[in-house]
N, C-alpha and C. Protein backbone atom coordinates (compact mmCIF):
# COMPACT_ATOMS: atom_id res chain seq x y z
N MET A 1 -42.08 -19.17 -9.59
CA MET A 1 -40.89 -19.98 -9.40
C MET A 1 -41.31 -21.29 -8.74
N ASP A 2 -40.74 -22.37 -9.21
CA ASP A 2 -41.10 -23.67 -8.62
C ASP A 2 -40.35 -23.87 -7.30
N ASN A 3 -40.90 -24.73 -6.47
CA ASN A 3 -40.35 -24.96 -5.13
C ASN A 3 -38.93 -25.51 -5.15
N ASP A 4 -38.63 -26.37 -6.12
CA ASP A 4 -37.29 -26.96 -6.20
C ASP A 4 -36.24 -25.87 -6.45
N THR A 5 -36.51 -24.97 -7.39
CA THR A 5 -35.57 -23.88 -7.70
C THR A 5 -35.40 -22.97 -6.48
N ARG A 6 -36.53 -22.60 -5.86
CA ARG A 6 -36.49 -21.76 -4.67
C ARG A 6 -35.64 -22.42 -3.60
N HIS A 7 -35.83 -23.71 -3.38
CA HIS A 7 -35.09 -24.44 -2.36
C HIS A 7 -33.58 -24.44 -2.66
N VAL A 8 -33.21 -24.64 -3.91
CA VAL A 8 -31.79 -24.66 -4.27
C VAL A 8 -31.14 -23.32 -3.95
N TYR A 9 -31.77 -22.23 -4.36
CA TYR A 9 -31.17 -20.91 -4.14
C TYR A 9 -31.21 -20.51 -2.66
N PHE A 10 -32.28 -20.87 -1.98
CA PHE A 10 -32.32 -20.60 -0.54
C PHE A 10 -31.22 -21.37 0.18
N THR A 11 -31.06 -22.64 -0.15
CA THR A 11 -30.03 -23.47 0.46
C THR A 11 -28.64 -22.90 0.17
N PHE A 12 -28.43 -22.44 -1.06
CA PHE A 12 -27.17 -21.83 -1.45
C PHE A 12 -26.84 -20.65 -0.53
N PHE A 13 -27.79 -19.70 -0.39
CA PHE A 13 -27.55 -18.53 0.45
C PHE A 13 -27.47 -18.89 1.93
N ASN A 14 -28.22 -19.88 2.34
CA ASN A 14 -28.15 -20.34 3.72
C ASN A 14 -26.76 -20.88 4.04
N GLU A 15 -26.20 -21.68 3.15
CA GLU A 15 -24.85 -22.22 3.35
C GLU A 15 -23.82 -21.10 3.40
N ILE A 16 -23.94 -20.12 2.51
CA ILE A 16 -23.02 -18.98 2.52
C ILE A 16 -23.13 -18.23 3.85
N GLY A 17 -24.35 -18.04 4.33
CA GLY A 17 -24.56 -17.35 5.60
C GLY A 17 -23.92 -18.07 6.76
N ILE A 18 -24.06 -19.38 6.79
CA ILE A 18 -23.45 -20.17 7.86
C ILE A 18 -21.93 -20.11 7.78
N ILE A 19 -21.40 -20.23 6.57
CA ILE A 19 -19.95 -20.13 6.38
C ILE A 19 -19.46 -18.75 6.83
N ALA A 20 -20.20 -17.70 6.49
CA ALA A 20 -19.82 -16.35 6.90
C ALA A 20 -19.81 -16.23 8.42
N GLN A 21 -20.82 -16.79 9.07
CA GLN A 21 -20.89 -16.71 10.53
C GLN A 21 -19.72 -17.47 11.17
N LEU A 22 -19.44 -18.66 10.68
CA LEU A 22 -18.35 -19.46 11.24
C LEU A 22 -16.99 -18.81 10.98
N SER A 23 -16.80 -18.28 9.78
CA SER A 23 -15.50 -17.65 9.46
C SER A 23 -15.33 -16.35 10.25
N ARG A 24 -16.43 -15.64 10.48
CA ARG A 24 -16.37 -14.42 11.29
C ARG A 24 -15.92 -14.75 12.71
N ALA A 25 -16.53 -15.76 13.31
CA ALA A 25 -16.17 -16.15 14.68
C ALA A 25 -14.71 -16.60 14.75
N ALA A 26 -14.26 -17.35 13.75
CA ALA A 26 -12.87 -17.81 13.74
C ALA A 26 -11.90 -16.64 13.62
N MET A 27 -12.22 -15.69 12.74
CA MET A 27 -11.35 -14.53 12.55
C MET A 27 -11.32 -13.66 13.80
N GLU A 28 -12.49 -13.40 14.38
CA GLU A 28 -12.53 -12.55 15.57
C GLU A 28 -11.77 -13.18 16.74
N ALA A 29 -11.77 -14.51 16.81
CA ALA A 29 -11.03 -15.18 17.88
C ALA A 29 -9.52 -14.96 17.75
N ARG A 30 -9.06 -14.66 16.55
CA ARG A 30 -7.63 -14.47 16.29
C ARG A 30 -7.20 -13.00 16.37
N LEU A 31 -8.16 -12.08 16.43
CA LEU A 31 -7.82 -10.65 16.46
C LEU A 31 -7.39 -10.24 17.87
N PRO A 32 -6.54 -9.21 17.95
CA PRO A 32 -6.15 -8.71 19.27
C PRO A 32 -7.36 -8.20 20.05
N LYS A 33 -7.25 -8.26 21.36
CA LYS A 33 -8.33 -7.82 22.25
C LYS A 33 -8.73 -6.38 21.89
N GLY A 34 -10.03 -6.15 21.85
CA GLY A 34 -10.55 -4.82 21.56
C GLY A 34 -10.80 -4.55 20.09
N LEU A 35 -10.42 -5.49 19.23
CA LEU A 35 -10.66 -5.32 17.80
C LEU A 35 -11.66 -6.36 17.32
N THR A 36 -12.49 -5.95 16.38
CA THR A 36 -13.55 -6.82 15.88
C THR A 36 -13.42 -7.01 14.37
N LEU A 37 -14.23 -7.89 13.85
CA LEU A 37 -14.22 -8.11 12.40
C LEU A 37 -14.55 -6.83 11.63
N PRO A 38 -15.51 -6.00 12.08
CA PRO A 38 -15.72 -4.75 11.34
C PRO A 38 -14.46 -3.88 11.25
N HIS A 39 -13.65 -3.86 12.30
CA HIS A 39 -12.38 -3.11 12.23
C HIS A 39 -11.50 -3.68 11.12
N PHE A 40 -11.32 -5.00 11.16
CA PHE A 40 -10.50 -5.65 10.14
C PHE A 40 -11.10 -5.42 8.75
N SER A 41 -12.40 -5.55 8.63
CA SER A 41 -13.06 -5.45 7.33
C SER A 41 -12.88 -4.07 6.70
N VAL A 42 -12.94 -3.02 7.51
CA VAL A 42 -12.74 -1.67 6.97
C VAL A 42 -11.31 -1.53 6.46
N ILE A 43 -10.35 -1.98 7.23
CA ILE A 43 -8.96 -1.90 6.78
C ILE A 43 -8.76 -2.73 5.51
N ASN A 44 -9.31 -3.91 5.49
CA ASN A 44 -9.18 -4.77 4.31
C ASN A 44 -9.82 -4.10 3.09
N HIS A 45 -10.97 -3.47 3.29
CA HIS A 45 -11.64 -2.76 2.19
C HIS A 45 -10.78 -1.61 1.68
N LEU A 46 -10.19 -0.85 2.60
CA LEU A 46 -9.37 0.29 2.19
C LEU A 46 -8.14 -0.16 1.41
N ILE A 47 -7.62 -1.33 1.72
CA ILE A 47 -6.48 -1.86 0.97
C ILE A 47 -6.95 -2.44 -0.37
N ARG A 48 -8.05 -3.18 -0.33
CA ARG A 48 -8.54 -3.85 -1.53
C ARG A 48 -9.09 -2.87 -2.55
N VAL A 49 -9.85 -1.88 -2.09
CA VAL A 49 -10.48 -0.92 -3.01
C VAL A 49 -9.59 0.31 -3.15
N ARG A 50 -9.48 1.08 -2.09
CA ARG A 50 -8.56 2.22 -2.01
C ARG A 50 -8.84 2.98 -0.74
N ASP A 51 -7.81 3.61 -0.19
CA ASP A 51 -8.09 4.46 0.96
C ASP A 51 -8.37 5.87 0.46
N GLY A 52 -8.66 6.78 1.38
CA GLY A 52 -9.03 8.13 1.01
C GLY A 52 -10.53 8.31 0.81
N GLN A 53 -11.32 7.33 1.24
CA GLN A 53 -12.77 7.43 1.11
C GLN A 53 -13.36 8.16 2.31
N THR A 54 -14.56 8.71 2.12
CA THR A 54 -15.24 9.38 3.22
C THR A 54 -15.93 8.34 4.10
N PRO A 55 -16.19 8.68 5.35
CA PRO A 55 -16.95 7.76 6.21
C PRO A 55 -18.31 7.39 5.60
N LEU A 56 -18.97 8.34 4.94
CA LEU A 56 -20.27 8.05 4.33
C LEU A 56 -20.13 7.04 3.20
N THR A 57 -19.10 7.17 2.40
CA THR A 57 -18.86 6.21 1.31
C THR A 57 -18.61 4.81 1.89
N LEU A 58 -17.84 4.75 2.97
CA LEU A 58 -17.59 3.47 3.62
C LEU A 58 -18.87 2.89 4.21
N ALA A 59 -19.68 3.73 4.84
CA ALA A 59 -20.95 3.25 5.41
C ALA A 59 -21.83 2.67 4.31
N ARG A 60 -21.88 3.32 3.17
CA ARG A 60 -22.68 2.79 2.05
C ARG A 60 -22.11 1.48 1.54
N ALA A 61 -20.79 1.39 1.44
CA ALA A 61 -20.16 0.15 0.95
C ALA A 61 -20.47 -1.02 1.87
N PHE A 62 -20.51 -0.77 3.18
CA PHE A 62 -20.78 -1.82 4.16
C PHE A 62 -22.26 -1.94 4.51
N GLN A 63 -23.06 -1.06 3.93
CA GLN A 63 -24.50 -1.06 4.16
C GLN A 63 -24.84 -0.96 5.65
N VAL A 64 -24.19 -0.01 6.30
CA VAL A 64 -24.46 0.26 7.71
C VAL A 64 -24.75 1.75 7.86
N PRO A 65 -25.43 2.15 8.94
CA PRO A 65 -25.64 3.58 9.17
C PRO A 65 -24.31 4.31 9.35
N LYS A 66 -24.30 5.59 9.00
CA LYS A 66 -23.06 6.38 9.14
C LYS A 66 -22.59 6.38 10.60
N THR A 67 -23.52 6.38 11.55
CA THR A 67 -23.12 6.37 12.97
C THR A 67 -22.37 5.09 13.33
N THR A 68 -22.78 3.97 12.74
CA THR A 68 -22.08 2.71 12.98
C THR A 68 -20.67 2.77 12.41
N MET A 69 -20.54 3.31 11.21
CA MET A 69 -19.21 3.43 10.59
C MET A 69 -18.36 4.40 11.39
N THR A 70 -18.94 5.48 11.88
CA THR A 70 -18.19 6.44 12.69
C THR A 70 -17.63 5.76 13.94
N HIS A 71 -18.44 4.91 14.55
CA HIS A 71 -18.00 4.17 15.74
C HIS A 71 -16.85 3.23 15.39
N THR A 72 -16.97 2.51 14.29
CA THR A 72 -15.90 1.60 13.85
C THR A 72 -14.62 2.38 13.57
N LEU A 73 -14.76 3.50 12.87
CA LEU A 73 -13.58 4.31 12.55
C LEU A 73 -12.94 4.89 13.80
N SER A 74 -13.74 5.23 14.81
CA SER A 74 -13.14 5.76 16.04
C SER A 74 -12.26 4.72 16.71
N GLY A 75 -12.67 3.45 16.65
CA GLY A 75 -11.83 2.38 17.19
C GLY A 75 -10.53 2.24 16.41
N LEU A 76 -10.62 2.38 15.09
CA LEU A 76 -9.41 2.30 14.26
C LEU A 76 -8.49 3.49 14.51
N LEU A 77 -9.08 4.66 14.70
CA LEU A 77 -8.29 5.86 15.04
C LEU A 77 -7.58 5.68 16.37
N GLU A 78 -8.31 5.14 17.34
CA GLU A 78 -7.77 4.93 18.68
C GLU A 78 -6.55 4.00 18.65
N HIS A 79 -6.58 3.01 17.76
CA HIS A 79 -5.46 2.08 17.64
C HIS A 79 -4.37 2.60 16.69
N GLY A 80 -4.61 3.74 16.06
CA GLY A 80 -3.62 4.30 15.15
C GLY A 80 -3.57 3.60 13.80
N PHE A 81 -4.65 2.93 13.42
CA PHE A 81 -4.67 2.18 12.17
C PHE A 81 -5.14 3.02 10.99
N VAL A 82 -5.84 4.10 11.26
CA VAL A 82 -6.26 5.03 10.21
C VAL A 82 -6.05 6.44 10.72
N GLU A 83 -6.06 7.37 9.78
CA GLU A 83 -6.05 8.78 10.12
C GLU A 83 -7.09 9.48 9.26
N MET A 84 -7.64 10.55 9.80
CA MET A 84 -8.64 11.34 9.08
C MET A 84 -7.95 12.59 8.54
N ARG A 85 -8.24 12.86 7.27
CA ARG A 85 -7.70 14.06 6.64
C ARG A 85 -8.87 14.86 6.05
N PRO A 86 -8.69 16.17 5.90
CA PRO A 86 -9.73 16.96 5.26
C PRO A 86 -9.98 16.45 3.84
N ASN A 87 -11.24 16.48 3.44
CA ASN A 87 -11.60 16.07 2.09
C ASN A 87 -11.27 17.21 1.13
N PRO A 88 -10.35 17.00 0.18
CA PRO A 88 -9.98 18.09 -0.73
C PRO A 88 -11.13 18.50 -1.66
N LYS A 89 -12.12 17.62 -1.83
CA LYS A 89 -13.25 17.93 -2.71
C LYS A 89 -14.39 18.62 -1.97
N ASP A 90 -14.42 18.48 -0.64
CA ASP A 90 -15.51 19.02 0.16
C ASP A 90 -14.97 19.31 1.55
N GLY A 91 -14.73 20.55 1.85
CA GLY A 91 -14.13 20.93 3.12
C GLY A 91 -14.95 20.56 4.35
N ARG A 92 -16.21 20.18 4.16
CA ARG A 92 -17.05 19.84 5.31
C ARG A 92 -16.84 18.40 5.78
N SER A 93 -16.25 17.55 4.94
CA SER A 93 -16.10 16.15 5.33
C SER A 93 -14.63 15.76 5.43
N LYS A 94 -14.42 14.56 5.92
CA LYS A 94 -13.07 14.02 6.09
C LYS A 94 -12.91 12.80 5.18
N THR A 95 -11.66 12.39 5.01
CA THR A 95 -11.36 11.16 4.29
C THR A 95 -10.54 10.26 5.22
N VAL A 96 -10.65 8.96 4.97
CA VAL A 96 -10.01 7.96 5.83
C VAL A 96 -8.79 7.39 5.11
N TRP A 97 -7.66 7.44 5.77
CA TRP A 97 -6.40 6.96 5.19
C TRP A 97 -5.76 5.95 6.13
N LEU A 98 -5.25 4.89 5.55
CA LEU A 98 -4.54 3.87 6.33
C LEU A 98 -3.19 4.38 6.79
N THR A 99 -2.79 3.93 7.95
CA THR A 99 -1.44 4.20 8.43
C THR A 99 -0.61 2.93 8.23
N ASP A 100 0.68 3.06 8.41
CA ASP A 100 1.54 1.87 8.34
C ASP A 100 1.11 0.84 9.39
N ALA A 101 0.71 1.33 10.56
CA ALA A 101 0.25 0.42 11.62
C ALA A 101 -1.00 -0.34 11.18
N GLY A 102 -1.89 0.32 10.44
CA GLY A 102 -3.09 -0.34 9.93
C GLY A 102 -2.76 -1.43 8.94
N ARG A 103 -1.82 -1.15 8.06
CA ARG A 103 -1.40 -2.16 7.08
C ARG A 103 -0.73 -3.34 7.78
N THR A 104 0.09 -3.04 8.78
CA THR A 104 0.75 -4.10 9.55
C THR A 104 -0.27 -4.95 10.30
N PHE A 105 -1.28 -4.29 10.88
CA PHE A 105 -2.34 -5.01 11.58
C PHE A 105 -3.03 -5.99 10.65
N ARG A 106 -3.37 -5.55 9.44
CA ARG A 106 -4.05 -6.43 8.48
C ARG A 106 -3.20 -7.67 8.18
N GLU A 107 -1.94 -7.45 7.89
CA GLU A 107 -1.07 -8.58 7.57
C GLU A 107 -0.93 -9.53 8.75
N ALA A 108 -0.81 -8.99 9.95
CA ALA A 108 -0.70 -9.83 11.15
C ALA A 108 -1.99 -10.61 11.39
N ALA A 109 -3.13 -9.97 11.15
CA ALA A 109 -4.43 -10.65 11.35
C ALA A 109 -4.59 -11.79 10.36
N ILE A 110 -4.18 -11.57 9.14
CA ILE A 110 -4.26 -12.64 8.14
C ILE A 110 -3.34 -13.79 8.53
N LYS A 111 -2.13 -13.45 8.93
CA LYS A 111 -1.17 -14.48 9.34
C LYS A 111 -1.66 -15.25 10.57
N ALA A 112 -2.35 -14.55 11.47
CA ALA A 112 -2.86 -15.20 12.68
C ALA A 112 -3.90 -16.27 12.36
N SER A 113 -4.51 -16.18 11.20
CA SER A 113 -5.52 -17.17 10.80
C SER A 113 -4.90 -18.41 10.15
N ASP A 114 -3.57 -18.46 10.09
CA ASP A 114 -2.90 -19.62 9.47
C ASP A 114 -3.36 -20.97 10.02
N PRO A 115 -3.51 -21.14 11.33
CA PRO A 115 -3.97 -22.45 11.82
C PRO A 115 -5.34 -22.84 11.27
N ASP A 116 -6.24 -21.88 11.14
CA ASP A 116 -7.57 -22.16 10.60
C ASP A 116 -7.49 -22.50 9.11
N ILE A 117 -6.64 -21.77 8.41
CA ILE A 117 -6.47 -22.04 6.97
C ILE A 117 -5.82 -23.40 6.76
N GLU A 118 -4.85 -23.75 7.60
CA GLU A 118 -4.22 -25.07 7.50
C GLU A 118 -5.25 -26.19 7.70
N ALA A 119 -6.14 -26.01 8.66
CA ALA A 119 -7.18 -27.02 8.89
C ALA A 119 -8.11 -27.13 7.69
N LEU A 120 -8.47 -26.01 7.12
CA LEU A 120 -9.34 -26.01 5.94
C LEU A 120 -8.61 -26.65 4.75
N LYS A 121 -7.33 -26.31 4.61
CA LYS A 121 -6.53 -26.85 3.51
C LYS A 121 -6.41 -28.36 3.60
N ALA A 122 -6.36 -28.90 4.80
CA ALA A 122 -6.27 -30.36 4.98
C ALA A 122 -7.55 -31.04 4.49
N ALA A 123 -8.67 -30.36 4.62
CA ALA A 123 -9.95 -30.93 4.19
C ALA A 123 -10.27 -30.61 2.73
N PHE A 124 -9.81 -29.44 2.27
CA PHE A 124 -10.11 -28.98 0.91
C PHE A 124 -8.82 -28.47 0.27
N PRO A 125 -8.24 -29.23 -0.64
CA PRO A 125 -6.98 -28.81 -1.26
C PRO A 125 -7.10 -27.43 -1.93
N LYS A 126 -5.98 -26.74 -1.99
CA LYS A 126 -5.91 -25.40 -2.56
C LYS A 126 -6.55 -25.34 -3.95
N GLN A 127 -6.28 -26.34 -4.79
CA GLN A 127 -6.82 -26.34 -6.16
C GLN A 127 -8.35 -26.33 -6.16
N LYS A 128 -8.94 -27.04 -5.24
CA LYS A 128 -10.40 -27.11 -5.16
C LYS A 128 -10.98 -25.74 -4.79
N VAL A 129 -10.33 -25.07 -3.85
CA VAL A 129 -10.78 -23.74 -3.44
C VAL A 129 -10.56 -22.74 -4.57
N GLU A 130 -9.42 -22.84 -5.24
CA GLU A 130 -9.14 -21.93 -6.37
C GLU A 130 -10.20 -22.06 -7.46
N GLN A 131 -10.73 -23.25 -7.65
CA GLN A 131 -11.77 -23.45 -8.68
C GLN A 131 -13.06 -22.72 -8.31
N LEU A 132 -13.32 -22.55 -7.03
CA LEU A 132 -14.54 -21.87 -6.59
C LEU A 132 -14.45 -20.35 -6.70
N LEU A 133 -13.25 -19.80 -6.61
CA LEU A 133 -13.08 -18.35 -6.52
C LEU A 133 -13.71 -17.57 -7.67
N PRO A 134 -13.53 -17.96 -8.93
CA PRO A 134 -14.17 -17.18 -10.00
C PRO A 134 -15.70 -17.16 -9.90
N LEU A 135 -16.30 -18.27 -9.57
CA LEU A 135 -17.75 -18.31 -9.43
C LEU A 135 -18.21 -17.44 -8.27
N LEU A 136 -17.53 -17.53 -7.14
CA LEU A 136 -17.89 -16.69 -6.00
C LEU A 136 -17.72 -15.20 -6.32
N ALA A 137 -16.66 -14.85 -7.04
CA ALA A 137 -16.44 -13.46 -7.43
C ALA A 137 -17.55 -12.98 -8.37
N ASP A 138 -17.97 -13.83 -9.28
CA ASP A 138 -19.07 -13.48 -10.18
C ASP A 138 -20.37 -13.26 -9.41
N ILE A 139 -20.65 -14.12 -8.46
CA ILE A 139 -21.87 -13.98 -7.65
C ILE A 139 -21.80 -12.71 -6.82
N ARG A 140 -20.63 -12.44 -6.22
CA ARG A 140 -20.46 -11.20 -5.45
C ARG A 140 -20.68 -9.98 -6.34
N SER A 141 -20.10 -9.97 -7.52
CA SER A 141 -20.26 -8.84 -8.43
C SER A 141 -21.72 -8.64 -8.82
N PHE A 142 -22.42 -9.74 -9.11
CA PHE A 142 -23.84 -9.65 -9.44
C PHE A 142 -24.63 -9.07 -8.28
N MET A 143 -24.39 -9.61 -7.08
CA MET A 143 -25.14 -9.16 -5.91
C MET A 143 -24.85 -7.69 -5.60
N ASP A 144 -23.61 -7.28 -5.79
CA ASP A 144 -23.24 -5.89 -5.54
C ASP A 144 -23.97 -4.96 -6.52
N ALA A 145 -23.98 -5.32 -7.80
CA ALA A 145 -24.67 -4.51 -8.80
C ALA A 145 -26.19 -4.56 -8.59
N TYR A 146 -26.71 -5.71 -8.24
CA TYR A 146 -28.15 -5.88 -8.03
C TYR A 146 -28.64 -5.03 -6.86
N ARG A 147 -27.81 -4.92 -5.84
CA ARG A 147 -28.13 -4.09 -4.67
C ARG A 147 -28.30 -2.64 -5.07
N ASP A 148 -27.51 -2.18 -6.05
CA ASP A 148 -27.52 -0.77 -6.44
C ASP A 148 -28.62 -0.43 -7.44
N GLU A 149 -29.36 -1.43 -7.91
CA GLU A 149 -30.42 -1.16 -8.89
C GLU A 149 -31.61 -0.49 -8.26
């Protein structure tokens, strides 16, 4: 691979990493005390993909150790945002289900980020961001599949 190509792709991922770090800090600043982005991310994943997943499936999806996911889920349980039910397919494991409080928390957290979104919208019109979404979704899909190879 030539240096120019390597530099372009490295710069691309570097910019995404910085954006992720900045957006994470902004989101966490808006979350209620005691809740972190991993808490929000698990709830968001359960809404976006589906709830009823096992902790191990969630750990794999987030690429974290099962112990880390167990810790995150215990925080969500403590806040009443999820509940654990027996796994109907395997009596030895549990499944994670959202509660109404968890769904309400997600919506409130998204709404709490309105000031940050308004600031971004002032610099980058909605249409410009909408144009990026299909490309970003394609890159995410590729990276997700590539990870599993």
